[in-house]
Amino acid sequence: MKVSLGARTLALPMPAFLVGTYDANGRPNVMTAAWGGIVCSEPPLVAVSVRPPRWTHAGVLKNKAFTVSFPPARLAVETDFAGIVSGKDHDKFKEAGLTAVKSDLVEAPYVGECPVVAECRLHASHELGTHTLFIGEIVDVKADREVAADGGIDMRKADPLVFGADGNYHKLGPRVARAFSAGKDLKPKS
């Protein structure tokens, strides 16, 4: 029997995105966001939700761009730091020991230590209440050679950090089935 948990912000798991922007003075900033994901395949779009008072919010609007860096589990401490202090008062890249890399395609930095990054041009924004939903068109995905695999990403090597509904960061486990293939065994035979 299931028990009611009430209306909650819940997805299992949630991403641990590092959202990169430049502030009004051109200084690189990064923020942790767990509320986001892929929202369209053509054009390729990713969304992140950011509260208007956050320093990142103004940077996205000013530059019409942002990056999404996908931190590996080994960067859990740095990822958490980027979510608990403000870029208004802190140079998060410097204080966390992370490298701000200027995107070649959009006006936003990404985290050099992350094995996979998406460079995004602002496609749309929607005020939703406490958050603004920023939808970015992915203009390029860059990956370290070590994690690139057949045009995709080797999840074991990328070792993405995820945020859990329990308020903790987690690692992903081993592969359990091949997508778009495993379910074929349940299709009726003709």
C-alpha atoms as a PDB file:
ATOM      1  CA  MET A   1       0.000   0.000   0.000  1.00  0.00           C
ATOM      2  CA  LYS A   2       1.257   3.458  -0.871  1.00  0.00           C
ATOM      3  CA  VAL A   3       1.297   6.365   1.599  1.00  0.00           C
ATOM      4  CA  SER A   4       0.611   9.964   0.594  1.00  0.00           C
ATOM      5  CA  LEU A   5       3.593  12.319   0.644  1.00  0.00           C
ATOM      6  CA  GLY A   6       1.514  15.301  -0.450  1.00  0.00           C
ATOM      7  CA  ALA A   7       2.203  17.673  -3.330  1.00  0.00           C
ATOM      8  CA  ARG A   8       5.995  17.813  -3.625  1.00  0.00           C
ATOM      9  CA  THR A   9       8.710  18.740  -6.082  1.00  0.00           C
ATOM     10  CA  LEU A  10       9.768  15.203  -6.886  1.00  0.00           C
ATOM     11  CA  ALA A  11      11.441  13.352  -9.712  1.00  0.00           C
ATOM     12  CA  LEU A  12      13.659  10.290  -9.368  1.00  0.00           C
ATOM     13  CA  PRO A  13      16.486  11.145  -9.793  1.00  0.00           C
ATOM     14  CA  MET A  14      16.954  14.819 -10.532  1.00  0.00           C
ATOM     15  CA  PRO A  15      19.982  16.075 -12.450  1.00  0.00           C
ATOM     16  CA  ALA A  16      22.838  17.850 -10.782  1.00  0.00           C
ATOM     17  CA  PHE A  17      23.415  20.532 -13.426  1.00  0.00           C
ATOM     18  CA  LEU A  18      26.055  23.219 -13.159  1.00  0.00           C
ATOM     19  CA  VAL A  19      24.584  26.197 -15.020  1.00  0.00           C
ATOM     20  CA  GLY A  20      27.172  28.666 -16.292  1.00  0.00           C
ATOM     21  CA  THR A  21      26.618  32.356 -17.088  1.00  0.00           C
ATOM     22  CA  TYR A  22      28.485  35.645 -17.144  1.00  0.00           C
ATOM     23  CA  ASP A  23      27.242  38.330 -14.769  1.00  0.00           C
ATOM     24  CA  ALA A  24      26.634  41.993 -15.662  1.00  0.00           C
ATOM     25  CA  ASN A  25      30.370  42.688 -15.283  1.00  0.00           C
ATOM     26  CA  GLY A  26      31.404  39.764 -17.501  1.00  0.00           C
ATOM     27  CA  ARG A  27      32.553  37.665 -14.534  1.00  0.00           C
ATOM     28  CA  PRO A  28      31.977  33.897 -14.889  1.00  0.00           C
ATOM     29  CA  ASN A  29      29.385  32.416 -12.539  1.00  0.00           C
ATOM     30  CA  VAL A  30      28.088  28.907 -11.971  1.00  0.00           C
ATOM     31  CA  MET A  31      25.038  27.631 -10.117  1.00  0.00           C
ATOM     32  CA  THR A  32      23.779  24.188  -9.186  1.00  0.00           C
ATOM     33  CA  ALA A  33      20.309  23.323 -10.468  1.00  0.00           C
ATOM     34  CA  ALA A  34      18.392  20.100  -9.914  1.00  0.00           C
ATOM     35  CA  TRP A  35      15.202  21.246 -11.601  1.00  0.00           C
ATOM     36  CA  GLY A  36      15.745  20.677 -15.294  1.00  0.00           C
ATOM     37  CA  GLY A  37      15.999  18.265 -18.160  1.00  0.00           C
ATOM     38  CA  ILE A  38      15.588  17.659 -21.874  1.00  0.00           C
ATOM     39  CA  VAL A  39      12.291  19.054 -23.183  1.00  0.00           C
ATOM     40  CA  CYS A  40      12.484  18.667 -26.975  1.00  0.00           C
ATOM     41  CA  SER A  41      14.478  16.739 -29.565  1.00  0.00           C
ATOM     42  CA  GLU A  42      13.949  18.941 -32.633  1.00  0.00           C
ATOM     43  CA  PRO A  43      15.250  21.511 -31.977  1.00  0.00           C
ATOM     44  CA  PRO A  44      17.330  20.058 -29.143  1.00  0.00           C
ATOM     45  CA  LEU A  45      16.174  21.895 -26.008  1.00  0.00           C
ATOM     46  CA  VAL A  46      17.084  21.681 -22.336  1.00  0.00           C
ATOM     47  CA  ALA A  47      15.311  23.508 -19.517  1.00  0.00           C
ATOM     48  CA  VAL A  48      16.474  24.739 -16.111  1.00  0.00           C
ATOM     49  CA  SER A  49      14.413  26.485 -13.442  1.00  0.00           C
ATOM     50  CA  VAL A  50      16.022  29.405 -11.635  1.00  0.00           C
ATOM     51  CA  ARG A  51      14.584  31.734  -8.997  1.00  0.00           C
ATOM     52  CA  PRO A  52      14.646  35.420 -10.059  1.00  0.00           C
ATOM     53  CA  PRO A  53      16.738  36.552  -7.045  1.00  0.00           C
ATOM     54  CA  ARG A  54      19.569  34.168  -7.998  1.00  0.00           C
ATOM     55  CA  TRP A  55      22.630  35.823  -9.538  1.00  0.00           C
ATOM     56  CA  THR A  56      22.453  33.369 -12.456  1.00  0.00           C
ATOM     57  CA  HIS A  57      18.967  34.573 -13.427  1.00  0.00           C
ATOM     58  CA  ALA A  58      20.151  38.021 -14.515  1.00  0.00           C
ATOM     59  CA  GLY A  59      23.138  36.517 -16.348  1.00  0.00           C
ATOM     60  CA  VAL A  60      20.954  34.256 -18.476  1.00  0.00           C
ATOM     61  CA  LEU A  61      18.656  37.144 -19.392  1.00  0.00           C
ATOM     62  CA  LYS A  62      21.494  39.578 -20.134  1.00  0.00           C
ATOM     63  CA  ASN A  63      23.512  37.220 -22.350  1.00  0.00           C
ATOM     64  CA  LYS A  64      20.617  35.176 -23.786  1.00  0.00           C
ATOM     65  CA  ALA A  65      22.746  32.105 -23.160  1.00  0.00           C
ATOM     66  CA  PHE A  66      23.857  29.556 -20.578  1.00  0.00           C
ATOM     67  CA  THR A  67      25.784  26.313 -20.375  1.00  0.00           C
ATOM     68  CA  VAL A  68      24.952  23.102 -18.608  1.00  0.00           C
ATOM     69  CA  SER A  69      27.951  21.194 -17.273  1.00  0.00           C
ATOM     70  CA  PHE A  70      27.345  17.648 -16.058  1.00  0.00           C
ATOM     71  CA  PRO A  71      29.526  17.089 -12.986  1.00  0.00           C
ATOM     72  CA  PRO A  72      30.974  13.665 -12.241  1.00  0.00           C
ATOM     73  CA  ALA A  73      30.438  12.189  -8.769  1.00  0.00           C
ATOM     74  CA  ARG A  74      33.971  13.206  -7.749  1.00  0.00           C
ATOM     75  CA  LEU A  75      32.837  16.872  -7.915  1.00  0.00           C
ATOM     76  CA  ALA A  76      30.012  16.480  -5.374  1.00  0.00           C
ATOM     77  CA  VAL A  77      31.548  18.960  -2.893  1.00  0.00           C
ATOM     78  CA  GLU A  78      32.211  21.593  -5.565  1.00  0.00           C
ATOM     79  CA  THR A  79      28.735  21.090  -7.039  1.00  0.00           C
ATOM     80  CA  ASP A  80      27.125  21.543  -3.638  1.00  0.00           C
ATOM     81  CA  PHE A  81      29.205  24.681  -2.996  1.00  0.00           C
ATOM     82  CA  ALA A  82      27.985  26.207  -6.276  1.00  0.00           C
ATOM     83  CA  GLY A  83      24.434  25.800  -5.010  1.00  0.00           C
ATOM     84  CA  ILE A  84      24.802  27.178  -1.489  1.00  0.00           C
ATOM     85  CA  VAL A  85      26.634  30.476  -2.047  1.00  0.00           C
ATOM     86  CA  SER A  86      25.743  33.392  -4.318  1.00  0.00           C
ATOM     87  CA  GLY A  87      27.791  34.587  -7.265  1.00  0.00           C
ATOM     88  CA  LYS A  88      26.937  38.077  -6.062  1.00  0.00           C
ATOM     89  CA  ASP A  89      29.270  37.612  -3.088  1.00  0.00           C
ATOM     90  CA  HIS A  90      31.575  34.806  -4.227  1.00  0.00           C
ATOM     91  CA  ASP A  91      33.795  33.902  -7.160  1.00  0.00           C
ATOM     92  CA  LYS A  92      32.484  30.343  -7.188  1.00  0.00           C
ATOM     93  CA  PHE A  93      34.859  29.102  -9.882  1.00  0.00           C
ATOM     94  CA  LYS A  94      37.924  30.326  -7.992  1.00  0.00           C
ATOM     95  CA  GLU A  95      36.735  29.307  -4.524  1.00  0.00           C
ATOM     96  CA  ALA A  96      35.718  25.810  -5.666  1.00  0.00           C
ATOM     97  CA  GLY A  97      38.935  25.330  -7.644  1.00  0.00           C
ATOM     98  CA  LEU A  98      37.046  24.986 -10.924  1.00  0.00           C
ATOM     99  CA  THR A  99      38.070  26.256 -14.351  1.00  0.00           C
ATOM    100  CA  ALA A 100      35.771  28.645 -16.237  1.00  0.00           C
ATOM    101  CA  VAL A 101      36.107  27.865 -19.943  1.00  0.00           C
ATOM    102  CA  LYS A 102      34.701  30.390 -22.424  1.00  0.00           C
ATOM    103  CA  SER A 103      32.259  28.772 -24.814  1.00  0.00           C
ATOM    104  CA  ASP A 104      33.115  29.109 -28.491  1.00  0.00           C
ATOM    105  CA  LEU A 105      29.458  29.361 -29.481  1.00  0.00           C
ATOM    106  CA  VAL A 106      27.482  31.192 -26.769  1.00  0.00           C
ATOM    107  CA  GLU A 107      28.177  33.978 -24.293  1.00  0.00           C
ATOM    108  CA  ALA A 108      28.566  31.739 -21.230  1.00  0.00           C
ATOM    109  CA  PRO A 109      31.317  29.772 -19.470  1.00  0.00           C
ATOM    110  CA  TYR A 110      31.327  26.063 -18.735  1.00  0.00           C
ATOM    111  CA  VAL A 111      33.128  24.014 -16.082  1.00  0.00           C
ATOM    112  CA  GLY A 112      36.348  22.609 -17.533  1.00  0.00           C
ATOM    113  CA  GLU A 113      36.497  19.746 -15.036  1.00  0.00           C
ATOM    114  CA  CYS A 114      33.124  18.364 -16.169  1.00  0.00           C
ATOM    115  CA  PRO A 115      33.466  15.641 -18.808  1.00  0.00           C
ATOM    116  CA  VAL A 116      30.286  16.678 -20.668  1.00  0.00           C
ATOM    117  CA  VAL A 117      28.881  20.160 -21.310  1.00  0.00           C
ATOM    118  CA  ALA A 118      26.020  21.602 -23.351  1.00  0.00           C
ATOM    119  CA  GLU A 119      26.249  25.111 -24.800  1.00  0.00           C
ATOM    120  CA  CYS A 120      22.813  26.715 -25.003  1.00  0.00           C
ATOM    121  CA  ARG A 121      21.280  29.754 -26.630  1.00  0.00           C
ATOM    122  CA  LEU A 122      18.225  31.042 -24.765  1.00  0.00           C
ATOM    123  CA  HIS A 123      15.174  29.850 -26.702  1.00  0.00           C
ATOM    124  CA  ALA A 124      12.400  30.936 -24.318  1.00  0.00           C
ATOM    125  CA  SER A 125      11.717  31.841 -20.715  1.00  0.00           C
ATOM    126  CA  HIS A 126       8.524  31.376 -18.743  1.00  0.00           C
ATOM    127  CA  GLU A 127       7.644  32.835 -15.355  1.00  0.00           C
ATOM    128  CA  LEU A 128       6.125  29.970 -13.374  1.00  0.00           C
ATOM    129  CA  GLY A 129       5.662  31.421  -9.891  1.00  0.00           C
ATOM    130  CA  THR A 130       8.727  31.144  -7.668  1.00  0.00           C
ATOM    131  CA  HIS A 131      10.922  30.142 -10.634  1.00  0.00           C
ATOM    132  CA  THR A 132      11.640  31.127 -14.212  1.00  0.00           C
ATOM    133  CA  LEU A 133      11.906  28.246 -16.634  1.00  0.00           C
ATOM    134  CA  PHE A 134      14.769  28.935 -19.019  1.00  0.00           C
ATOM    135  CA  ILE A 135      14.677  26.828 -22.156  1.00  0.00           C
ATOM    136  CA  GLY A 136      17.952  26.684 -24.018  1.00  0.00           C
ATOM    137  CA  GLU A 137      18.577  25.440 -27.524  1.00  0.00           C
ATOM    138  CA  ILE A 138      21.578  23.146 -27.370  1.00  0.00           C
ATOM    139  CA  VAL A 139      23.946  24.434 -30.050  1.00  0.00           C
ATOM    140  CA  ASP A 140      26.712  21.970 -29.172  1.00  0.00           C
ATOM    141  CA  VAL A 141      27.579  19.224 -26.719  1.00  0.00           C
ATOM    142  CA  LYS A 142      31.239  18.794 -25.887  1.00  0.00           C
ATOM    143  CA  ALA A 143      32.662  15.686 -24.230  1.00  0.00           C
ATOM    144  CA  ASP A 144      36.084  14.595 -23.059  1.00  0.00           C
ATOM    145  CA  ARG A 145      37.462  11.915 -25.395  1.00  0.00           C
ATOM    146  CA  GLU A 146      37.564   9.444 -22.504  1.00  0.00           C
ATOM    147  CA  VAL A 147      33.766   9.531 -22.046  1.00  0.00           C
ATOM    148  CA  ALA A 148      32.688   9.842 -25.702  1.00  0.00           C
ATOM    149  CA  ALA A 149      31.355   6.548 -27.095  1.00  0.00           C
ATOM    150  CA  ASP A 150      29.851   5.940 -30.552  1.00  0.00           C
ATOM    151  CA  GLY A 151      28.444   9.467 -30.832  1.00  0.00           C
ATOM    152  CA  GLY A 152      27.109   9.317 -27.276  1.00  0.00           C
ATOM    153  CA  ILE A 153      28.393   9.190 -23.717  1.00  0.00           C
ATOM    154  CA  ASP A 154      29.745   6.202 -21.787  1.00  0.00           C
ATOM    155  CA  MET A 155      27.766   6.670 -18.551  1.00  0.00           C
ATOM    156  CA  ARG A 156      30.193   4.585 -16.477  1.00  0.00           C
ATOM    157  CA  LYS A 157      33.109   6.786 -17.482  1.00  0.00           C
ATOM    158  CA  ALA A 158      31.162  10.071 -17.192  1.00  0.00           C
ATOM    159  CA  ASP A 159      29.967   8.968 -13.718  1.00  0.00           C
ATOM    160  CA  PRO A 160      27.245  11.663 -13.525  1.00  0.00           C
ATOM    161  CA  LEU A 161      26.267  13.085 -10.168  1.00  0.00           C
ATOM    162  CA  VAL A 162      22.519  13.085  -9.503  1.00  0.00           C
ATOM    163  CA  PHE A 163      20.356  14.636  -6.810  1.00  0.00           C
ATOM    164  CA  GLY A 164      17.944  12.407  -4.922  1.00  0.00           C
ATOM    165  CA  ALA A 165      14.555  13.043  -3.380  1.00  0.00           C
ATOM    166  CA  ASP A 166      16.231  12.304  -0.050  1.00  0.00           C
ATOM    167  CA  GLY A 167      18.256  15.546  -0.238  1.00  0.00           C
ATOM    168  CA  ASN A 168      21.545  13.784  -1.037  1.00  0.00           C
ATOM    169  CA  TYR A 169      23.796  13.410  -4.050  1.00  0.00           C
ATOM    170  CA  HIS A 170      24.094   9.951  -5.597  1.00  0.00           C
ATOM    171  CA  LYS A 171      25.918   8.031  -8.301  1.00  0.00           C
ATOM    172  CA  LEU A 172      24.187   6.011 -10.965  1.00  0.00           C
ATOM    173  CA  GLY A 173      24.405   2.243 -10.871  1.00  0.00           C
ATOM    174  CA  PRO A 174      25.193  -0.295 -13.580  1.00  0.00           C
ATOM    175  CA  ARG A 175      23.242  -0.642 -16.813  1.00  0.00           C
ATOM    176  CA  VAL A 176      20.155  -2.827 -16.374  1.00  0.00           C
ATOM    177  CA  ALA A 177      18.773  -2.987 -19.929  1.00  0.00           C
ATOM    178  CA  ARG A 178      19.369  -1.626 -23.424  1.00  0.00           C
ATOM    179  CA  ALA A 179      16.922   1.169 -24.292  1.00  0.00           C
ATOM    180  CA  PHE A 180      14.718   0.789 -27.371  1.00  0.00           C
ATOM    181  CA  SER A 181      15.618  -2.907 -27.420  1.00  0.00           C
ATOM    182  CA  ALA A 182      14.853  -4.706 -24.145  1.00  0.00           C
ATOM    183  CA  GLY A 183      11.099  -4.184 -24.485  1.00  0.00           C
ATOM    184  CA  LYS A 184      11.007  -5.898 -27.869  1.00  0.00           C
ATOM    185  CA  ASP A 185      10.862  -9.254 -26.065  1.00  0.00           C
ATOM    186  CA  LEU A 186       7.339  -8.343 -24.870  1.00  0.00           C
ATOM    187  CA  LYS A 187       5.994  -7.541 -28.336  1.00  0.00           C
ATOM    188  CA  PRO A 188       3.554 -10.159 -29.665  1.00  0.00           C
ATOM    189  CA  LYS A 189       5.072 -12.432 -32.308  1.00  0.00           C
ATOM    190  CA  SER A 190       3.461 -12.012 -35.734  1.00  0.00           C
END
